ModelCIF file with pLDDT and N, C-alpha, C, O atoms, coordinates in Angstrom:
data_MODEL
#
_entry.id   MODEL 
#
_entity.id                         1 
_entity.type                       polymer 
_entity.pdbx_number_of_molecules   1 
#
_entity_poly.entity_id                      1 
_entity_poly.type                           'polypeptide(L)' 
_entity_poly.nstd_linkage                   no 
_entity_poly.nstd_monomer                   no 
_entity_poly.pdbx_seq_one_letter_code       
;(UNK)(UNK)(UNK)(UNK)(UNK)(UNK)(UNK)(UNK)(UNK)(UNK)(UNK)(UNK)(UNK)(UNK)(UNK)(UNK)
(UNK)(UNK)(UNK)(UNK)(UNK)(UNK)(UNK)(UNK)(UNK)(UNK)(UNK)(UNK)(UNK)(UNK)(UNK)(UNK)
(UNK)(UNK)(UNK)(UNK)(UNK)(UNK)(UNK)(UNK)(UNK)(UNK)(UNK)(UNK)(UNK)(UNK)(UNK)
;
_entity_poly.pdbx_seq_one_letter_code_can   XXXXXXXXXXXXXXXXXXXXXXXXXXXXXXXXXXXXXXXXXXXXXXX 
_entity_poly.pdbx_strand_id                 A 
#
loop_
_entity_poly_seq.entity_id 
_entity_poly_seq.num 
_entity_poly_seq.mon_id 
_entity_poly_seq.hetero 
1 1  UNK n 
1 2  UNK n 
1 3  UNK n 
1 4  UNK n 
1 5  UNK n 
1 6  UNK n 
1 7  UNK n 
1 8  UNK n 
1 9  UNK n 
1 10 UNK n 
1 11 UNK n 
1 12 UNK n 
1 13 UNK n 
1 14 UNK n 
1 15 UNK n 
1 16 UNK n 
1 17 UNK n 
1 18 UNK n 
1 19 UNK n 
1 20 UNK n 
1 21 UNK n 
1 22 UNK n 
1 23 UNK n 
1 24 UNK n 
1 25 UNK n 
1 26 UNK n 
1 27 UNK n 
1 28 UNK n 
1 29 UNK n 
1 30 UNK n 
1 31 UNK n 
1 32 UNK n 
1 33 UNK n 
1 34 UNK n 
1 35 UNK n 
1 36 UNK n 
1 37 UNK n 
1 38 UNK n 
1 39 UNK n 
1 40 UNK n 
1 41 UNK n 
1 42 UNK n 
1 43 UNK n 
1 44 UNK n 
1 45 UNK n 
1 46 UNK n 
1 47 UNK n 
#
_struct_asym.id          A 
_struct_asym.entity_id   1 
#
loop_
_ma_qa_metric.id 
_ma_qa_metric.mode 
_ma_qa_metric.name 
_ma_qa_metric.software_group_id 
_ma_qa_metric.type 
1 global pLDDT . pLDDT 
2 local  pLDDT . pLDDT 
#
_ma_qa_metric_global.metric_id      1 
_ma_qa_metric_global.metric_value   82.68 
_ma_qa_metric_global.model_id       1 
_ma_qa_metric_global.ordinal_id     1 
#
loop_
_ma_qa_metric_local.label_asym_id 
_ma_qa_metric_local.label_comp_id 
_ma_qa_metric_local.label_seq_id 
_ma_qa_metric_local.metric_id 
_ma_qa_metric_local.metric_value 
_ma_qa_metric_local.model_id 
_ma_qa_metric_local.ordinal_id 
A UNK 1  2 79.00 1 1  
A UNK 2  2 81.00 1 2  
A UNK 3  2 84.00 1 3  
A UNK 4  2 84.00 1 4  
A UNK 5  2 84.00 1 5  
A UNK 6  2 87.00 1 6  
A UNK 7  2 87.00 1 7  
A UNK 8  2 87.00 1 8  
A UNK 9  2 87.00 1 9  
A UNK 10 2 88.00 1 10 
A UNK 11 2 87.00 1 11 
A UNK 12 2 90.00 1 12 
A UNK 13 2 89.00 1 13 
A UNK 14 2 91.00 1 14 
A UNK 15 2 93.00 1 15 
A UNK 16 2 93.00 1 16 
A UNK 17 2 91.00 1 17 
A UNK 18 2 90.00 1 18 
A UNK 19 2 90.00 1 19 
A UNK 20 2 89.00 1 20 
A UNK 21 2 88.00 1 21 
A UNK 22 2 88.00 1 22 
A UNK 23 2 87.00 1 23 
A UNK 24 2 86.00 1 24 
A UNK 25 2 85.00 1 25 
A UNK 26 2 82.00 1 26 
A UNK 27 2 83.00 1 27 
A UNK 28 2 72.00 1 28 
A UNK 29 2 66.00 1 29 
A UNK 30 2 56.00 1 30 
A UNK 31 2 57.00 1 31 
A UNK 32 2 59.00 1 32 
A UNK 33 2 60.00 1 33 
A UNK 34 2 57.00 1 34 
A UNK 35 2 75.00 1 35 
A UNK 36 2 80.00 1 36 
A UNK 37 2 82.00 1 37 
A UNK 38 2 81.00 1 38 
A UNK 39 2 84.00 1 39 
A UNK 40 2 87.00 1 40 
A UNK 41 2 86.00 1 41 
A UNK 42 2 86.00 1 42 
A UNK 43 2 90.00 1 43 
A UNK 44 2 89.00 1 44 
A UNK 45 2 88.00 1 45 
A UNK 46 2 90.00 1 46 
A UNK 47 2 91.00 1 47 
#
loop_
_atom_site.group_PDB 
_atom_site.id 
_atom_site.type_symbol 
_atom_site.label_atom_id 
_atom_site.label_alt_id 
_atom_site.label_comp_id 
_atom_site.label_asym_id 
_atom_site.label_entity_id 
_atom_site.label_seq_id 
_atom_site.pdbx_PDB_ins_code 
_atom_site.Cartn_x 
_atom_site.Cartn_y 
_atom_site.Cartn_z 
_atom_site.occupancy 
_atom_site.B_iso_or_equiv 
_atom_site.pdbx_formal_charge 
_atom_site.auth_seq_id 
_atom_site.auth_comp_id 
_atom_site.auth_asym_id 
_atom_site.auth_atom_id 
_atom_site.pdbx_PDB_model_num 
ATOM 1   N N  . UNK A 1 1  ? -12.960 13.974 9.280  1.00 79.00 ? 1  UNK A N  1 
ATOM 2   C CA . UNK A 1 1  ? -11.908 13.444 8.411  1.00 79.00 ? 1  UNK A CA 1 
ATOM 3   C C  . UNK A 1 1  ? -11.523 12.035 8.848  1.00 79.00 ? 1  UNK A C  1 
ATOM 4   O O  . UNK A 1 1  ? -11.336 11.140 8.024  1.00 79.00 ? 1  UNK A O  1 
ATOM 5   N N  . UNK A 1 2  ? -11.412 11.862 10.152 1.00 81.00 ? 2  UNK A N  1 
ATOM 6   C CA . UNK A 1 2  ? -11.061 10.551 10.700 1.00 81.00 ? 2  UNK A CA 1 
ATOM 7   C C  . UNK A 1 2  ? -12.150 9.535  10.353 1.00 81.00 ? 2  UNK A C  1 
ATOM 8   O O  . UNK A 1 2  ? -11.848 8.396  9.995  1.00 81.00 ? 2  UNK A O  1 
ATOM 9   N N  . UNK A 1 3  ? -13.407 9.944  10.458 1.00 84.00 ? 3  UNK A N  1 
ATOM 10  C CA . UNK A 1 3  ? -14.531 9.067  10.142 1.00 84.00 ? 3  UNK A CA 1 
ATOM 11  C C  . UNK A 1 3  ? -14.482 8.646  8.676  1.00 84.00 ? 3  UNK A C  1 
ATOM 12  O O  . UNK A 1 3  ? -14.711 7.480  8.355  1.00 84.00 ? 3  UNK A O  1 
ATOM 13  N N  . UNK A 1 4  ? -14.186 9.589  7.793  1.00 84.00 ? 4  UNK A N  1 
ATOM 14  C CA . UNK A 1 4  ? -14.087 9.274  6.372  1.00 84.00 ? 4  UNK A CA 1 
ATOM 15  C C  . UNK A 1 4  ? -12.979 8.275  6.094  1.00 84.00 ? 4  UNK A C  1 
ATOM 16  O O  . UNK A 1 4  ? -13.168 7.323  5.337  1.00 84.00 ? 4  UNK A O  1 
ATOM 17  N N  . UNK A 1 5  ? -11.828 8.492  6.704  1.00 84.00 ? 5  UNK A N  1 
ATOM 18  C CA . UNK A 1 5  ? -10.693 7.587  6.517  1.00 84.00 ? 5  UNK A CA 1 
ATOM 19  C C  . UNK A 1 5  ? -11.014 6.198  7.055  1.00 84.00 ? 5  UNK A C  1 
ATOM 20  O O  . UNK A 1 5  ? -10.749 5.195  6.392  1.00 84.00 ? 5  UNK A O  1 
ATOM 21  N N  . UNK A 1 6  ? -11.581 6.139  8.247  1.00 87.00 ? 6  UNK A N  1 
ATOM 22  C CA . UNK A 1 6  ? -11.918 4.841  8.842  1.00 87.00 ? 6  UNK A CA 1 
ATOM 23  C C  . UNK A 1 6  ? -12.981 4.120  8.008  1.00 87.00 ? 6  UNK A C  1 
ATOM 24  O O  . UNK A 1 6  ? -12.921 2.901  7.850  1.00 87.00 ? 6  UNK A O  1 
ATOM 25  N N  . UNK A 1 7  ? -13.942 4.862  7.479  1.00 87.00 ? 7  UNK A N  1 
ATOM 26  C CA . UNK A 1 7  ? -14.981 4.261  6.634  1.00 87.00 ? 7  UNK A CA 1 
ATOM 27  C C  . UNK A 1 7  ? -14.378 3.617  5.394  1.00 87.00 ? 7  UNK A C  1 
ATOM 28  O O  . UNK A 1 7  ? -14.769 2.515  5.008  1.00 87.00 ? 7  UNK A O  1 
ATOM 29  N N  . UNK A 1 8  ? -13.425 4.303  4.770  1.00 87.00 ? 8  UNK A N  1 
ATOM 30  C CA . UNK A 1 8  ? -12.772 3.743  3.586  1.00 87.00 ? 8  UNK A CA 1 
ATOM 31  C C  . UNK A 1 8  ? -12.023 2.472  3.940  1.00 87.00 ? 8  UNK A C  1 
ATOM 32  O O  . UNK A 1 8  ? -12.068 1.488  3.202  1.00 87.00 ? 8  UNK A O  1 
ATOM 33  N N  . UNK A 1 9  ? -11.337 2.497  5.065  1.00 87.00 ? 9  UNK A N  1 
ATOM 34  C CA . UNK A 1 9  ? -10.558 1.334  5.490  1.00 87.00 ? 9  UNK A CA 1 
ATOM 35  C C  . UNK A 1 9  ? -11.448 0.156  5.888  1.00 87.00 ? 9  UNK A C  1 
ATOM 36  O O  . UNK A 1 9  ? -11.019 -0.996 5.824  1.00 87.00 ? 9  UNK A O  1 
ATOM 37  N N  . UNK A 1 10 ? -12.679 0.441  6.297  1.00 88.00 ? 10 UNK A N  1 
ATOM 38  C CA . UNK A 1 10 ? -13.589 -0.615 6.760  1.00 88.00 ? 10 UNK A CA 1 
ATOM 39  C C  . UNK A 1 10 ? -14.550 -1.080 5.669  1.00 88.00 ? 10 UNK A C  1 
ATOM 40  O O  . UNK A 1 10 ? -15.521 -1.780 5.956  1.00 88.00 ? 10 UNK A O  1 
ATOM 41  N N  . UNK A 1 11 ? -14.287 -0.702 4.438  1.00 87.00 ? 11 UNK A N  1 
ATOM 42  C CA . UNK A 1 11 ? -15.216 -1.008 3.345  1.00 87.00 ? 11 UNK A CA 1 
ATOM 43  C C  . UNK A 1 11 ? -15.482 -2.499 3.178  1.00 87.00 ? 11 UNK A C  1 
ATOM 44  O O  . UNK A 1 11 ? -16.592 -2.881 2.806  1.00 87.00 ? 11 UNK A O  1 
ATOM 45  N N  . UNK A 1 12 ? -14.505 -3.343 3.438  1.00 90.00 ? 12 UNK A N  1 
ATOM 46  C CA . UNK A 1 12 ? -14.671 -4.779 3.232  1.00 90.00 ? 12 UNK A CA 1 
ATOM 47  C C  . UNK A 1 12 ? -15.175 -5.527 4.465  1.00 90.00 ? 12 UNK A C  1 
ATOM 48  O O  . UNK A 1 12 ? -15.346 -6.745 4.424  1.00 90.00 ? 12 UNK A O  1 
ATOM 49  N N  . UNK A 1 13 ? -15.411 -4.813 5.544  1.00 89.00 ? 13 UNK A N  1 
ATOM 50  C CA . UNK A 1 13 ? -15.839 -5.445 6.797  1.00 89.00 ? 13 UNK A CA 1 
ATOM 51  C C  . UNK A 1 13 ? -17.347 -5.272 6.998  1.00 89.00 ? 13 UNK A C  1 
ATOM 52  O O  . UNK A 1 13 ? -17.943 -4.317 6.498  1.00 89.00 ? 13 UNK A O  1 
ATOM 53  N N  . UNK A 1 14 ? -17.952 -6.203 7.733  1.00 91.00 ? 14 UNK A N  1 
ATOM 54  C CA . UNK A 1 14 ? -19.394 -6.129 7.992  1.00 91.00 ? 14 UNK A CA 1 
ATOM 55  C C  . UNK A 1 14 ? -19.693 -6.535 9.429  1.00 91.00 ? 14 UNK A C  1 
ATOM 56  O O  . UNK A 1 14 ? -18.902 -7.220 10.077 1.00 91.00 ? 14 UNK A O  1 
ATOM 57  N N  . UNK A 1 15 ? -20.846 -6.099 9.907  1.00 93.00 ? 15 UNK A N  1 
ATOM 58  C CA . UNK A 1 15 ? -21.353 -6.523 11.211 1.00 93.00 ? 15 UNK A CA 1 
ATOM 59  C C  . UNK A 1 15 ? -20.462 -6.157 12.381 1.00 93.00 ? 15 UNK A C  1 
ATOM 60  O O  . UNK A 1 15 ? -19.953 -5.040 12.467 1.00 93.00 ? 15 UNK A O  1 
ATOM 61  N N  . UNK A 1 16 ? -20.281 -7.110 13.279 1.00 93.00 ? 16 UNK A N  1 
ATOM 62  C CA . UNK A 1 16 ? -19.503 -6.888 14.502 1.00 93.00 ? 16 UNK A CA 1 
ATOM 63  C C  . UNK A 1 16 ? -18.041 -6.584 14.202 1.00 93.00 ? 16 UNK A C  1 
ATOM 64  O O  . UNK A 1 16 ? -17.400 -5.803 14.906 1.00 93.00 ? 16 UNK A O  1 
ATOM 65  N N  . UNK A 1 17 ? -17.521 -7.211 13.150 1.00 91.00 ? 17 UNK A N  1 
ATOM 66  C CA . UNK A 1 17 ? -16.128 -6.952 12.773 1.00 91.00 ? 17 UNK A CA 1 
ATOM 67  C C  . UNK A 1 17 ? -15.953 -5.480 12.404 1.00 91.00 ? 17 UNK A C  1 
ATOM 68  O O  . UNK A 1 17 ? -14.972 -4.845 12.790 1.00 91.00 ? 17 UNK A O  1 
ATOM 69  N N  . UNK A 1 18 ? -16.919 -4.947 11.650 1.00 90.00 ? 18 UNK A N  1 
ATOM 70  C CA . UNK A 1 18 ? -16.864 -3.531 11.246 1.00 90.00 ? 18 UNK A CA 1 
ATOM 71  C C  . UNK A 1 18 ? -16.992 -2.613 12.464 1.00 90.00 ? 18 UNK A C  1 
ATOM 72  O O  . UNK A 1 18 ? -16.261 -1.631 12.597 1.00 90.00 ? 18 UNK A O  1 
ATOM 73  N N  . UNK A 1 19 ? -17.937 -2.952 13.353 1.00 90.00 ? 19 UNK A N  1 
ATOM 74  C CA . UNK A 1 19 ? -18.124 -2.148 14.570 1.00 90.00 ? 19 UNK A CA 1 
ATOM 75  C C  . UNK A 1 19 ? -16.837 -2.078 15.381 1.00 90.00 ? 19 UNK A C  1 
ATOM 76  O O  . UNK A 1 19 ? -16.422 -1.004 15.817 1.00 90.00 ? 19 UNK A O  1 
ATOM 77  N N  . UNK A 1 20 ? -16.213 -3.228 15.578 1.00 89.00 ? 20 UNK A N  1 
ATOM 78  C CA . UNK A 1 20 ? -14.977 -3.284 16.357 1.00 89.00 ? 20 UNK A CA 1 
ATOM 79  C C  . UNK A 1 20 ? -13.873 -2.492 15.666 1.00 89.00 ? 20 UNK A C  1 
ATOM 80  O O  . UNK A 1 20 ? -13.126 -1.762 16.318 1.00 89.00 ? 20 UNK A O  1 
ATOM 81  N N  . UNK A 1 21 ? -13.771 -2.637 14.351 1.00 88.00 ? 21 UNK A N  1 
ATOM 82  C CA . UNK A 1 21 ? -12.739 -1.917 13.608 1.00 88.00 ? 21 UNK A CA 1 
ATOM 83  C C  . UNK A 1 21 ? -12.957 -0.408 13.706 1.00 88.00 ? 21 UNK A C  1 
ATOM 84  O O  . UNK A 1 21 ? -12.014 0.341  13.961 1.00 88.00 ? 21 UNK A O  1 
ATOM 85  N N  . UNK A 1 22 ? -14.200 0.038  13.504 1.00 88.00 ? 22 UNK A N  1 
ATOM 86  C CA . UNK A 1 22 ? -14.505 1.470  13.551 1.00 88.00 ? 22 UNK A CA 1 
ATOM 87  C C  . UNK A 1 22 ? -14.222 2.042  14.939 1.00 88.00 ? 22 UNK A C  1 
ATOM 88  O O  . UNK A 1 22 ? -13.688 3.144  15.062 1.00 88.00 ? 22 UNK A O  1 
ATOM 89  N N  . UNK A 1 23 ? -14.576 1.300  15.975 1.00 87.00 ? 23 UNK A N  1 
ATOM 90  C CA . UNK A 1 23 ? -14.329 1.758  17.341 1.00 87.00 ? 23 UNK A CA 1 
ATOM 91  C C  . UNK A 1 23 ? -12.833 1.956  17.562 1.00 87.00 ? 23 UNK A C  1 
ATOM 92  O O  . UNK A 1 23 ? -12.405 2.981  18.092 1.00 87.00 ? 23 UNK A O  1 
ATOM 93  N N  . UNK A 1 24 ? -12.052 0.976  17.155 1.00 86.00 ? 24 UNK A N  1 
ATOM 94  C CA . UNK A 1 24 ? -10.596 1.039  17.309 1.00 86.00 ? 24 UNK A CA 1 
ATOM 95  C C  . UNK A 1 24 ? -10.006 2.176  16.463 1.00 86.00 ? 24 UNK A C  1 
ATOM 96  O O  . UNK A 1 24 ? -9.164  2.943  16.930 1.00 86.00 ? 24 UNK A O  1 
ATOM 97  N N  . UNK A 1 25 ? -10.461 2.264  15.226 1.00 85.00 ? 25 UNK A N  1 
ATOM 98  C CA . UNK A 1 25 ? -9.941  3.269  14.311 1.00 85.00 ? 25 UNK A CA 1 
ATOM 99  C C  . UNK A 1 25 ? -10.249 4.688  14.798 1.00 85.00 ? 25 UNK A C  1 
ATOM 100 O O  . UNK A 1 25 ? -9.372  5.552  14.789 1.00 85.00 ? 25 UNK A O  1 
ATOM 101 N N  . UNK A 1 26 ? -11.481 4.925  15.218 1.00 82.00 ? 26 UNK A N  1 
ATOM 102 C CA . UNK A 1 26 ? -11.874 6.268  15.653 1.00 82.00 ? 26 UNK A CA 1 
ATOM 103 C C  . UNK A 1 26 ? -11.258 6.661  16.989 1.00 82.00 ? 26 UNK A C  1 
ATOM 104 O O  . UNK A 1 26 ? -11.101 7.848  17.276 1.00 82.00 ? 26 UNK A O  1 
ATOM 105 N N  . UNK A 1 27 ? -10.909 5.674  17.804 1.00 83.00 ? 27 UNK A N  1 
ATOM 106 C CA . UNK A 1 27 ? -10.306 6.001  19.095 1.00 83.00 ? 27 UNK A CA 1 
ATOM 107 C C  . UNK A 1 27 ? -8.784  6.069  19.009 1.00 83.00 ? 27 UNK A C  1 
ATOM 108 O O  . UNK A 1 27 ? -8.121  6.437  19.979 1.00 83.00 ? 27 UNK A O  1 
ATOM 109 N N  . UNK A 1 28 ? -8.236  5.717  17.861 1.00 72.00 ? 28 UNK A N  1 
ATOM 110 C CA . UNK A 1 28 ? -6.774  5.754  17.684 1.00 72.00 ? 28 UNK A CA 1 
ATOM 111 C C  . UNK A 1 28 ? -6.269  7.191  17.821 1.00 72.00 ? 28 UNK A C  1 
ATOM 112 O O  . UNK A 1 28 ? -6.926  8.138  17.389 1.00 72.00 ? 28 UNK A O  1 
ATOM 113 N N  . UNK A 1 29 ? -5.130  7.329  18.411 1.00 66.00 ? 29 UNK A N  1 
ATOM 114 C CA . UNK A 1 29 ? -4.536  8.637  18.642 1.00 66.00 ? 29 UNK A CA 1 
ATOM 115 C C  . UNK A 1 29 ? -3.816  9.138  17.388 1.00 66.00 ? 29 UNK A C  1 
ATOM 116 O O  . UNK A 1 29 ? -3.742  8.423  16.388 1.00 66.00 ? 29 UNK A O  1 
ATOM 117 N N  . UNK A 1 30 ? -3.305  10.317 17.436 1.00 56.00 ? 30 UNK A N  1 
ATOM 118 C CA . UNK A 1 30 ? -2.608  10.928 16.305 1.00 56.00 ? 30 UNK A CA 1 
ATOM 119 C C  . UNK A 1 30 ? -1.333  10.179 15.942 1.00 56.00 ? 30 UNK A C  1 
ATOM 120 O O  . UNK A 1 30 ? -0.815  10.348 14.838 1.00 56.00 ? 30 UNK A O  1 
ATOM 121 N N  . UNK A 1 31 ? -0.812  9.346  16.858 1.00 57.00 ? 31 UNK A N  1 
ATOM 122 C CA . UNK A 1 31 ? 0.404   8.591  16.583 1.00 57.00 ? 31 UNK A CA 1 
ATOM 123 C C  . UNK A 1 31 ? 0.243   7.697  15.366 1.00 57.00 ? 31 UNK A C  1 
ATOM 124 O O  . UNK A 1 31 ? 1.177   7.540  14.580 1.00 57.00 ? 31 UNK A O  1 
ATOM 125 N N  . UNK A 1 32 ? -0.926  7.116  15.207 1.00 59.00 ? 32 UNK A N  1 
ATOM 126 C CA . UNK A 1 32 ? -1.167  6.252  14.059 1.00 59.00 ? 32 UNK A CA 1 
ATOM 127 C C  . UNK A 1 32 ? -1.069  7.057  12.774 1.00 59.00 ? 32 UNK A C  1 
ATOM 128 O O  . UNK A 1 32 ? -0.532  6.581  11.773 1.00 59.00 ? 32 UNK A O  1 
ATOM 129 N N  . UNK A 1 33 ? -1.587  8.269  12.804 1.00 60.00 ? 33 UNK A N  1 
ATOM 130 C CA . UNK A 1 33 ? -1.513  9.131  11.628 1.00 60.00 ? 33 UNK A CA 1 
ATOM 131 C C  . UNK A 1 33 ? -0.058  9.499  11.344 1.00 60.00 ? 33 UNK A C  1 
ATOM 132 O O  . UNK A 1 33 ? 0.366   9.515  10.188 1.00 60.00 ? 33 UNK A O  1 
ATOM 133 N N  . UNK A 1 34 ? 0.695   9.790  12.383 1.00 57.00 ? 34 UNK A N  1 
ATOM 134 C CA . UNK A 1 34 ? 2.099   10.132 12.210 1.00 57.00 ? 34 UNK A CA 1 
ATOM 135 C C  . UNK A 1 34 ? 2.854   8.945  11.632 1.00 57.00 ? 34 UNK A C  1 
ATOM 136 O O  . UNK A 1 34 ? 3.733   9.121  10.789 1.00 57.00 ? 34 UNK A O  1 
ATOM 137 N N  . UNK A 1 35 ? 2.523   7.750  12.073 1.00 75.00 ? 35 UNK A N  1 
ATOM 138 C CA . UNK A 1 35 ? 3.159   6.550  11.560 1.00 75.00 ? 35 UNK A CA 1 
ATOM 139 C C  . UNK A 1 35 ? 2.849   6.394  10.078 1.00 75.00 ? 35 UNK A C  1 
ATOM 140 O O  . UNK A 1 35 ? 3.738   6.076  9.289  1.00 75.00 ? 35 UNK A O  1 
ATOM 141 N N  . UNK A 1 36 ? 1.601   6.615  9.695  1.00 80.00 ? 36 UNK A N  1 
ATOM 142 C CA . UNK A 1 36 ? 1.187   6.513  8.299  1.00 80.00 ? 36 UNK A CA 1 
ATOM 143 C C  . UNK A 1 36 ? 1.926   7.552  7.454  1.00 80.00 ? 36 UNK A C  1 
ATOM 144 O O  . UNK A 1 36 ? 2.374   7.253  6.347  1.00 80.00 ? 36 UNK A O  1 
ATOM 145 N N  . UNK A 1 37 ? 2.049   8.762  7.975  1.00 82.00 ? 37 UNK A N  1 
ATOM 146 C CA . UNK A 1 37 ? 2.765   9.809  7.245  1.00 82.00 ? 37 UNK A CA 1 
ATOM 147 C C  . UNK A 1 37 ? 4.234   9.443  7.084  1.00 82.00 ? 37 UNK A C  1 
ATOM 148 O O  . UNK A 1 37 ? 4.817   9.665  6.022  1.00 82.00 ? 37 UNK A O  1 
ATOM 149 N N  . UNK A 1 38 ? 4.823   8.897  8.109  1.00 81.00 ? 38 UNK A N  1 
ATOM 150 C CA . UNK A 1 38 ? 6.223   8.472  8.046  1.00 81.00 ? 38 UNK A CA 1 
ATOM 151 C C  . UNK A 1 38 ? 6.380   7.370  7.008  1.00 81.00 ? 38 UNK A C  1 
ATOM 152 O O  . UNK A 1 38 ? 7.325   7.373  6.219  1.00 81.00 ? 38 UNK A O  1 
ATOM 153 N N  . UNK A 1 39 ? 5.446   6.432  7.019  1.00 84.00 ? 39 UNK A N  1 
ATOM 154 C CA . UNK A 1 39 ? 5.468   5.330  6.070  1.00 84.00 ? 39 UNK A CA 1 
ATOM 155 C C  . UNK A 1 39 ? 5.370   5.867  4.635  1.00 84.00 ? 39 UNK A C  1 
ATOM 156 O O  . UNK A 1 39 ? 6.080   5.417  3.735  1.00 84.00 ? 39 UNK A O  1 
ATOM 157 N N  . UNK A 1 40 ? 4.470   6.840  4.448  1.00 87.00 ? 40 UNK A N  1 
ATOM 158 C CA . UNK A 1 40 ? 4.265   7.434  3.128  1.00 87.00 ? 40 UNK A CA 1 
ATOM 159 C C  . UNK A 1 40 ? 5.543   8.111  2.638  1.00 87.00 ? 40 UNK A C  1 
ATOM 160 O O  . UNK A 1 40 ? 5.926   7.966  1.477  1.00 87.00 ? 40 UNK A O  1 
ATOM 161 N N  . UNK A 1 41 ? 6.199   8.852  3.534  1.00 86.00 ? 41 UNK A N  1 
ATOM 162 C CA . UNK A 1 41 ? 7.439   9.531  3.156  1.00 86.00 ? 41 UNK A CA 1 
ATOM 163 C C  . UNK A 1 41 ? 8.513   8.518  2.770  1.00 86.00 ? 41 UNK A C  1 
ATOM 164 O O  . UNK A 1 41 ? 9.199   8.691  1.763  1.00 86.00 ? 41 UNK A O  1 
ATOM 165 N N  . UNK A 1 42 ? 8.658   7.478  3.558  1.00 86.00 ? 42 UNK A N  1 
ATOM 166 C CA . UNK A 1 42 ? 9.664   6.451  3.288  1.00 86.00 ? 42 UNK A CA 1 
ATOM 167 C C  . UNK A 1 42 ? 9.384   5.759  1.961  1.00 86.00 ? 42 UNK A C  1 
ATOM 168 O O  . UNK A 1 42 ? 10.293  5.562  1.155  1.00 86.00 ? 42 UNK A O  1 
ATOM 169 N N  . UNK A 1 43 ? 8.135   5.393  1.738  1.00 90.00 ? 43 UNK A N  1 
ATOM 170 C CA . UNK A 1 43 ? 7.774   4.711  0.494  1.00 90.00 ? 43 UNK A CA 1 
ATOM 171 C C  . UNK A 1 43 ? 7.982   5.624  -0.709 1.00 90.00 ? 43 UNK A C  1 
ATOM 172 O O  . UNK A 1 43 ? 8.418   5.166  -1.766 1.00 90.00 ? 43 UNK A O  1 
ATOM 173 N N  . UNK A 1 44 ? 7.676   6.908  -0.559 1.00 89.00 ? 44 UNK A N  1 
ATOM 174 C CA . UNK A 1 44 ? 7.888   7.855  -1.655 1.00 89.00 ? 44 UNK A CA 1 
ATOM 175 C C  . UNK A 1 44 ? 9.362   7.943  -2.030 1.00 89.00 ? 44 UNK A C  1 
ATOM 176 O O  . UNK A 1 44 ? 9.707   7.996  -3.210 1.00 89.00 ? 44 UNK A O  1 
ATOM 177 N N  . UNK A 1 45 ? 10.221  7.960  -1.027 1.00 88.00 ? 45 UNK A N  1 
ATOM 178 C CA . UNK A 1 45 ? 11.660  8.010  -1.288 1.00 88.00 ? 45 UNK A CA 1 
ATOM 179 C C  . UNK A 1 45 ? 12.095  6.740  -2.019 1.00 88.00 ? 45 UNK A C  1 
ATOM 180 O O  . UNK A 1 45 ? 12.852  6.807  -2.987 1.00 88.00 ? 45 UNK A O  1 
ATOM 181 N N  . UNK A 1 46 ? 11.621  5.593  -1.559 1.00 90.00 ? 46 UNK A N  1 
ATOM 182 C CA . UNK A 1 46 ? 11.987  4.317  -2.167 1.00 90.00 ? 46 UNK A CA 1 
ATOM 183 C C  . UNK A 1 46 ? 11.436  4.167  -3.587 1.00 90.00 ? 46 UNK A C  1 
ATOM 184 O O  . UNK A 1 46 ? 12.017  3.455  -4.406 1.00 90.00 ? 46 UNK A O  1 
ATOM 185 N N  . UNK A 1 47 ? 10.319  4.836  -3.879 1.00 91.00 ? 47 UNK A N  1 
ATOM 186 C CA . UNK A 1 47 ? 9.682   4.714  -5.191 1.00 91.00 ? 47 UNK A CA 1 
ATOM 187 C C  . UNK A 1 47 ? 10.222  5.720  -6.202 1.00 91.00 ? 47 UNK A C  1 
ATOM 188 O O  . UNK A 1 47 ? 9.781   5.738  -7.351 1.00 91.00 ? 47 UNK A O  1 
#
């Protein structure tokens, strides 16, 4: 699931930039996901 999400986020990147992004994205801890979920909840309330 993480790989799929990171792949979507890296769609516009190529070469070394993509490699670096994927490495960072795949090694990110669950905190980033929690932050995204929090952001989603806040934005939903505001919308």
